[in-house]
Every structure is written in structure tokens, then in C-alpha cells.
Amino acid sequence: MTAPPPAHGLLTGKTAVVTAAAGTGIGSAVARRMLEEGARVLISDRHERRLEQTRAELAQLPGAEVAAVPCDVTDEDQVQRMFASATSAFGQVDVVVNNAGLGGTASILEMTDEQWHRVLDVTLNGTFRCTRAAVRLFRDQGSAGVVVNNASVVGWRAQAGQAHYAAAKAGVMALTRCAALDAAPLGVRVNAVAPSLVMHENLAKVTSEELLAELTRREAFGRSAEPWEVANVIVFLASDYSTYLTGEVVSVSNQHP
């Protein structure tokens, strides 16, 4: 497919928070698909200029209700402010998509402590902070909310130069499974997606053509996924079509782990 399928109102009446949603990647695609499916959406990102640009673009969608607030997920105060802004703007939060993550390439022989800690703090600790805040908010609202985390097939599969990123994404998977059990008595679902190769502008900037070509050759369809193809799976996990699904990591990939 070259374009997303038509919307079916899967999220009508719901409010979603999506982190790292500025730009052209998975986060902005998730926000767009959720708006198209009838949700009200608050997007966040630490890049304020790109965040406002993305908000303005999304606001052009028919009937779109979209707000934006800057947030660095490594800062607990900013995480709390993001959720407070969402409840202030829309009254209640129903879905939280933890998309914020940080990659990079470095051999374990050359990797510094700073590189390791930075990737882990954004990708794993940031997901923890936002998941904790979301589940607490759902508890206080008395509502059966949904958390969807963005993991990666690298959490299952070895790749040279990715020790920090792979460790963080494997941690996101384990966090998802355990948080799901903690949240289940509240009626809250916690799941994750694990994309493989998703082509977007930012990835092309930080990845060599040779590596992209090699990764593409591994895919069964001989191409990378479009961001909206991952977003569709996240929408499914956020919707009432998955009410008995929790603690799962769904591979959005042409490859088996």
C-alpha cells in the first residue's frame, strides 16, 4: 500500500498524548492517524520549533483538536507538566504513546559512559517516567486507560554498534510486560510495538546509505515500513479492538526475532 487505509472512527471521543511527535517520524504519524480516527491529541517533543510546526500541520486536518507542549522525558517536572497540560486542554487522558527514544552507533569498545547513559535515560528511563505518570493518572481518573510503548526489533536481535540502544529497547519490552501486570487491576492496558526498519527523514540523516541498503535487503517485502504502517498498529492497540490484550510486544516487521 502507498497510502493509509480510510479511517473508521476507532478513537472517537478519546484523548491521546504522544511523545516525540515532532518531525516526520513515527510519533507524528501516530498523532495524525489518531486525529484521523477521531481522537483529541496532545503532542510533545523537546524540539520546540519543530513541535509547533508539526502542531500547525496537524491542525489543518478536518475537525482536528490538537495541542502541543514541549517536554524532555528525562526531566520528571516536564513529564508532570505535559500530563497536566493534557488534562487542562482536554479534561481527561485515555491513551499515552511513549515514542521518545534516542539511538546512535558506537562499538562497545569505544562507547563512553555518557553515550550509554544518554541513550538509556531517554529511551528506557523516559518510557518508565511517562508510563508511571500515565498509570497514576488513569488510577486517579478512575478510567481504564491505555499505554503503548515504542520498542524495536533490536531489543530481540543483535546488531553491531547498538549495545546501548538494544539494551534500552529490551528494557522497554520488559518494562511493558511488568507494568501491564501492575496496571491490570486498574483496568489499564500496557503494550508495545517493535518496529524494524521504518524510513523517515531523520533516519536518513543519521544512517549511511550502505547500512540502509543492507537492512532493506533483510526485509521480506524488500522495502522499509512507512511510519503510518507502524502508527496503524499503535492505533489498534489504543482502540477498543484490543481490550483483552496487555503485556504484549507486537512485532511490526517482516523479520522474525
Protein backbone atom coordinates (compact mmCIF):
# COMPACT_ATOMS: atom_id res chain seq x y z
CA MET A 1 0.00 0.00 0.00
CA THR A 2 1.19 3.51 -0.73
CA ALA A 3 -1.30 5.36 1.48
CA PRO A 4 -3.05 4.70 4.79
CA PRO A 5 -6.44 2.99 4.69
CA PRO A 6 -9.54 5.12 5.38
CA ALA A 7 -10.34 5.96 8.99
CA HIS A 8 -13.14 4.22 10.88
CA GLY A 9 -13.54 6.37 14.00
CA LEU A 10 -11.68 3.86 16.17
CA LEU A 11 -10.67 6.52 18.72
CA THR A 12 -13.69 8.81 18.64
CA GLY A 13 -14.12 10.57 21.97
CA LYS A 14 -10.69 9.63 23.28
CA THR A 15 -7.75 11.85 24.20
CA ALA A 16 -4.18 10.76 23.45
CA VAL A 17 -0.75 12.01 24.48
CA VAL A 18 2.10 11.24 22.06
CA THR A 19 5.73 11.91 22.96
CA ALA A 20 8.50 12.76 20.47
CA ALA A 21 5.87 13.67 17.89
CA ALA A 22 7.63 16.50 16.05
CA GLY A 23 9.04 15.98 12.59
CA THR A 24 8.37 13.21 10.10
CA GLY A 25 8.83 10.00 12.10
CA ILE A 26 6.60 7.51 13.85
CA GLY A 27 5.41 9.97 16.52
CA SER A 28 3.93 12.49 14.12
CA ALA A 29 2.43 9.65 12.05
CA VAL A 30 0.77 8.28 15.20
CA ALA A 31 -0.64 11.71 16.06
CA ARG A 32 -2.01 12.11 12.53
CA ARG A 33 -3.64 8.67 12.44
CA MET A 34 -5.17 9.20 15.89
CA LEU A 35 -6.61 12.53 14.83
CA GLU A 36 -7.99 10.91 11.68
CA GLU A 37 -9.55 8.19 13.86
CA GLY A 38 -11.37 10.82 15.92
CA ALA A 39 -9.09 11.36 18.94
CA ARG A 40 -8.08 14.63 20.52
CA VAL A 41 -4.28 14.66 20.66
CA LEU A 42 -1.60 16.43 22.66
CA ILE A 43 1.83 16.09 21.10
CA SER A 44 5.12 16.75 22.84
CA ASP A 45 8.77 16.93 21.89
CA ARG A 46 11.90 18.62 23.18
CA HIS A 47 12.41 20.40 19.83
CA GLU A 48 10.07 23.37 20.27
CA ARG A 49 10.27 24.82 16.75
CA ARG A 50 9.61 21.50 15.05
CA LEU A 51 6.89 20.76 17.59
CA GLU A 52 4.97 23.92 16.76
CA GLN A 53 5.43 23.31 13.05
CA THR A 54 4.03 19.79 13.43
CA ARG A 55 1.10 21.03 15.52
CA ALA A 56 0.23 23.62 12.89
CA GLU A 57 0.33 20.99 10.14
CA LEU A 58 -1.84 18.56 12.11
CA ALA A 59 -4.30 21.33 12.95
CA GLN A 60 -5.13 21.55 9.23
CA LEU A 61 -6.78 18.11 9.33
CA PRO A 62 -10.60 18.31 9.20
CA GLY A 63 -12.02 18.59 12.72
CA ALA A 64 -8.61 18.17 14.35
CA GLU A 65 -8.30 19.01 18.04
CA VAL A 66 -4.57 19.12 18.69
CA ALA A 67 -2.43 20.78 21.35
CA ALA A 68 1.32 20.81 21.91
CA VAL A 69 3.65 21.19 24.88
CA PRO A 70 7.45 20.92 24.94
CA CYS A 71 8.73 18.03 27.05
CA ASP A 72 12.09 16.40 27.67
CA VAL A 73 11.24 12.94 29.03
CA THR A 74 14.49 12.86 31.03
CA ASP A 75 13.05 15.59 33.29
CA GLU A 76 10.33 14.47 35.73
CA ASP A 77 8.99 18.00 36.19
CA GLN A 78 8.49 18.37 32.45
CA VAL A 79 6.75 14.99 32.28
CA GLN A 80 4.34 16.09 35.01
CA ARG A 81 3.72 19.38 33.21
CA MET A 82 2.95 17.53 29.97
CA PHE A 83 0.22 15.44 31.60
CA ALA A 84 -1.15 18.45 33.46
CA SER A 85 -1.33 20.31 30.14
CA ALA A 86 -3.22 17.43 28.54
CA THR A 87 -5.83 17.27 31.29
CA SER A 88 -6.14 21.05 31.26
CA ALA A 89 -6.67 21.12 27.50
CA PHE A 90 -8.97 18.12 27.13
CA GLY A 91 -10.23 17.17 30.59
CA GLN A 92 -9.09 13.55 30.56
CA VAL A 93 -6.37 11.37 29.06
CA ASP A 94 -7.25 7.95 27.64
CA VAL A 95 -4.17 6.89 25.67
CA VAL A 96 -0.44 7.52 26.12
CA VAL A 97 2.04 6.64 23.39
CA ASN A 98 5.64 6.60 24.58
CA ASN A 99 7.54 7.19 21.37
CA ALA A 100 10.55 9.13 22.69
CA GLY A 101 13.85 7.38 22.09
CA LEU A 102 17.46 8.09 21.24
CA GLY A 103 19.77 5.97 19.12
CA GLY A 104 23.32 6.20 17.86
CA THR A 105 26.07 3.89 16.71
CA ALA A 106 29.17 3.05 18.74
CA SER A 107 31.17 -0.09 19.27
CA ILE A 108 31.21 -1.34 22.85
CA LEU A 109 34.99 -0.89 22.67
CA GLU A 110 34.62 2.84 22.08
CA MET A 111 31.31 3.65 23.78
CA THR A 112 31.56 6.20 26.58
CA ASP A 113 29.62 6.26 29.81
CA GLU A 114 27.92 9.44 28.62
CA GLN A 115 26.75 7.79 25.39
CA TRP A 116 25.42 4.79 27.30
CA HIS A 117 23.62 6.81 29.96
CA ARG A 118 22.12 9.29 27.49
CA VAL A 119 20.51 6.59 25.34
CA LEU A 120 19.25 4.69 28.39
CA ASP A 121 17.89 7.83 30.05
CA VAL A 122 15.84 8.94 27.06
CA THR A 123 14.79 5.57 25.69
CA LEU A 124 14.24 3.44 28.79
CA ASN A 125 14.05 5.82 31.74
CA GLY A 126 11.89 8.26 29.78
CA THR A 127 9.46 5.47 28.93
CA PHE A 128 9.40 4.48 32.60
CA ARG A 129 8.70 8.05 33.76
CA CYS A 130 5.85 8.52 31.30
CA THR A 131 4.37 5.07 31.91
CA ARG A 132 4.39 5.64 35.66
CA ALA A 133 2.77 9.06 35.26
CA ALA A 134 0.16 7.67 32.86
CA VAL A 135 -0.88 4.77 35.07
CA ARG A 136 -1.11 7.04 38.10
CA LEU A 137 -3.25 9.45 36.10
CA PHE A 138 -5.56 6.67 34.91
CA ARG A 139 -5.90 5.49 38.53
CA ASP A 140 -6.76 8.97 39.75
CA GLN A 141 -9.25 9.44 36.89
CA GLY A 142 -10.82 6.07 37.63
CA SER A 143 -10.54 5.24 33.94
CA ALA A 144 -9.31 2.21 32.01
CA GLY A 145 -6.56 3.88 30.00
CA VAL A 146 -4.04 2.51 27.54
CA VAL A 147 -0.26 2.84 27.29
CA VAL A 148 1.56 1.90 24.08
CA ASN A 149 5.36 1.89 24.16
CA ASN A 150 7.65 2.03 21.14
CA ALA A 151 10.27 -0.70 21.38
CA SER A 152 12.32 -2.14 18.50
CA VAL A 153 13.24 -5.48 16.99
CA VAL A 154 16.78 -4.62 18.10
CA GLY A 155 15.55 -5.46 21.60
CA TRP A 156 15.41 -9.07 20.37
CA ARG A 157 18.10 -9.14 17.69
CA ALA A 158 21.81 -8.36 17.89
CA GLN A 159 23.22 -5.56 15.76
CA ALA A 160 26.78 -4.28 15.85
CA GLY A 161 27.25 -0.85 17.39
CA GLN A 162 23.84 -0.89 19.07
CA ALA A 163 24.58 -2.20 22.58
CA HIS A 164 23.12 0.87 24.32
CA TYR A 165 20.05 1.14 22.08
CA ALA A 166 19.38 -2.61 22.11
CA ALA A 167 19.69 -2.75 25.90
CA ALA A 168 17.30 0.17 26.24
CA LYS A 169 14.71 -1.31 23.87
CA ALA A 170 14.94 -4.74 25.52
CA GLY A 171 14.33 -2.88 28.78
CA VAL A 172 11.25 -1.22 27.27
CA MET A 173 9.91 -4.67 26.42
CA ALA A 174 10.47 -5.98 29.95
CA LEU A 175 9.04 -2.79 31.44
CA THR A 176 5.95 -3.19 29.27
CA ARG A 177 5.31 -6.76 30.43
CA CYS A 178 5.79 -5.99 34.13
CA ALA A 179 3.91 -2.69 34.09
CA ALA A 180 1.00 -4.48 32.42
CA LEU A 181 0.63 -6.76 35.44
CA ASP A 182 0.87 -3.85 37.87
CA ALA A 183 -1.75 -1.89 35.92
CA ALA A 184 -4.17 -4.72 35.16
CA PRO A 185 -6.13 -4.45 38.45
CA LEU A 186 -6.92 -0.86 37.42
CA GLY A 187 -8.25 -2.00 34.04
CA VAL A 188 -5.28 -0.32 32.36
CA ARG A 189 -3.59 -1.99 29.38
CA VAL A 190 0.13 -1.64 28.59
CA ASN A 191 1.51 -2.96 25.30
CA ALA A 192 4.36 -2.18 22.92
CA VAL A 193 5.24 -2.28 19.26
CA ALA A 194 8.62 -3.40 17.94
CA PRO A 195 9.26 -1.89 14.50
CA SER A 196 12.16 -2.98 12.32
CA LEU A 197 13.19 -0.59 9.54
CA VAL A 198 10.98 2.49 9.27
CA MET A 199 12.11 5.05 6.74
CA HIS A 200 11.76 8.75 7.52
CA GLU A 201 13.72 11.93 7.05
CA ASN A 202 15.59 11.86 10.36
CA LEU A 203 16.72 8.25 9.95
CA ALA A 204 18.13 9.01 6.52
CA LYS A 205 20.19 11.85 8.01
CA VAL A 206 21.92 9.70 10.64
CA THR A 207 22.30 6.36 8.80
CA SER A 208 24.63 5.54 5.93
CA GLU A 209 23.22 4.54 2.57
CA GLU A 210 25.16 1.28 2.80
CA LEU A 211 23.58 0.30 6.13
CA LEU A 212 20.10 1.28 4.97
CA ALA A 213 20.54 -0.83 1.84
CA GLU A 214 21.71 -3.80 3.91
CA LEU A 215 18.80 -3.50 6.35
CA THR A 216 16.33 -3.15 3.48
CA ARG A 217 17.62 -6.35 1.86
CA ARG A 218 16.73 -8.25 5.06
CA GLU A 219 13.07 -7.25 4.85
CA ALA A 220 10.70 -9.81 3.34
CA PHE A 221 8.95 -7.18 1.21
CA GLY A 222 12.27 -5.70 0.12
CA ARG A 223 11.39 -2.28 1.49
CA SER A 224 11.23 -0.35 4.74
CA ALA A 225 7.95 0.31 6.54
CA GLU A 226 6.24 3.67 6.24
CA PRO A 227 5.70 5.47 9.58
CA TRP A 228 1.90 5.25 9.12
CA GLU A 229 2.14 1.46 8.90
CA VAL A 230 3.54 1.37 12.44
CA ALA A 231 1.03 4.03 13.51
CA ASN A 232 -1.85 1.80 12.39
CA VAL A 233 -0.75 -0.95 14.78
CA ILE A 234 -0.45 1.57 17.61
CA VAL A 235 -3.97 2.81 16.84
CA PHE A 236 -5.22 -0.78 17.04
CA LEU A 237 -3.56 -1.26 20.44
CA ALA A 238 -5.07 2.02 21.65
CA SER A 239 -8.56 1.14 20.42
CA ASP A 240 -11.37 -0.98 21.82
CA TYR A 241 -10.44 -3.72 19.34
CA SER A 242 -7.69 -4.84 21.74
CA THR A 243 -9.42 -4.73 25.12
CA TYR A 244 -8.09 -8.15 26.21
CA LEU A 245 -4.52 -7.57 25.03
CA THR A 246 -1.94 -6.48 27.60
CA GLY A 247 1.72 -7.08 28.32
CA GLU A 248 2.42 -7.88 24.66
CA VAL A 249 5.15 -6.69 22.30
CA VAL A 250 3.85 -6.70 18.73
CA SER A 251 6.49 -7.01 16.05
CA VAL A 252 5.79 -4.59 13.17
CA SER A 253 8.31 -6.23 10.98
CA ASN A 254 8.93 -8.52 8.05
CA GLN A 255 11.53 -10.37 10.12
CA HIS A 256 11.19 -12.83 12.96
CA PRO A 257 13.13 -12.05 16.16
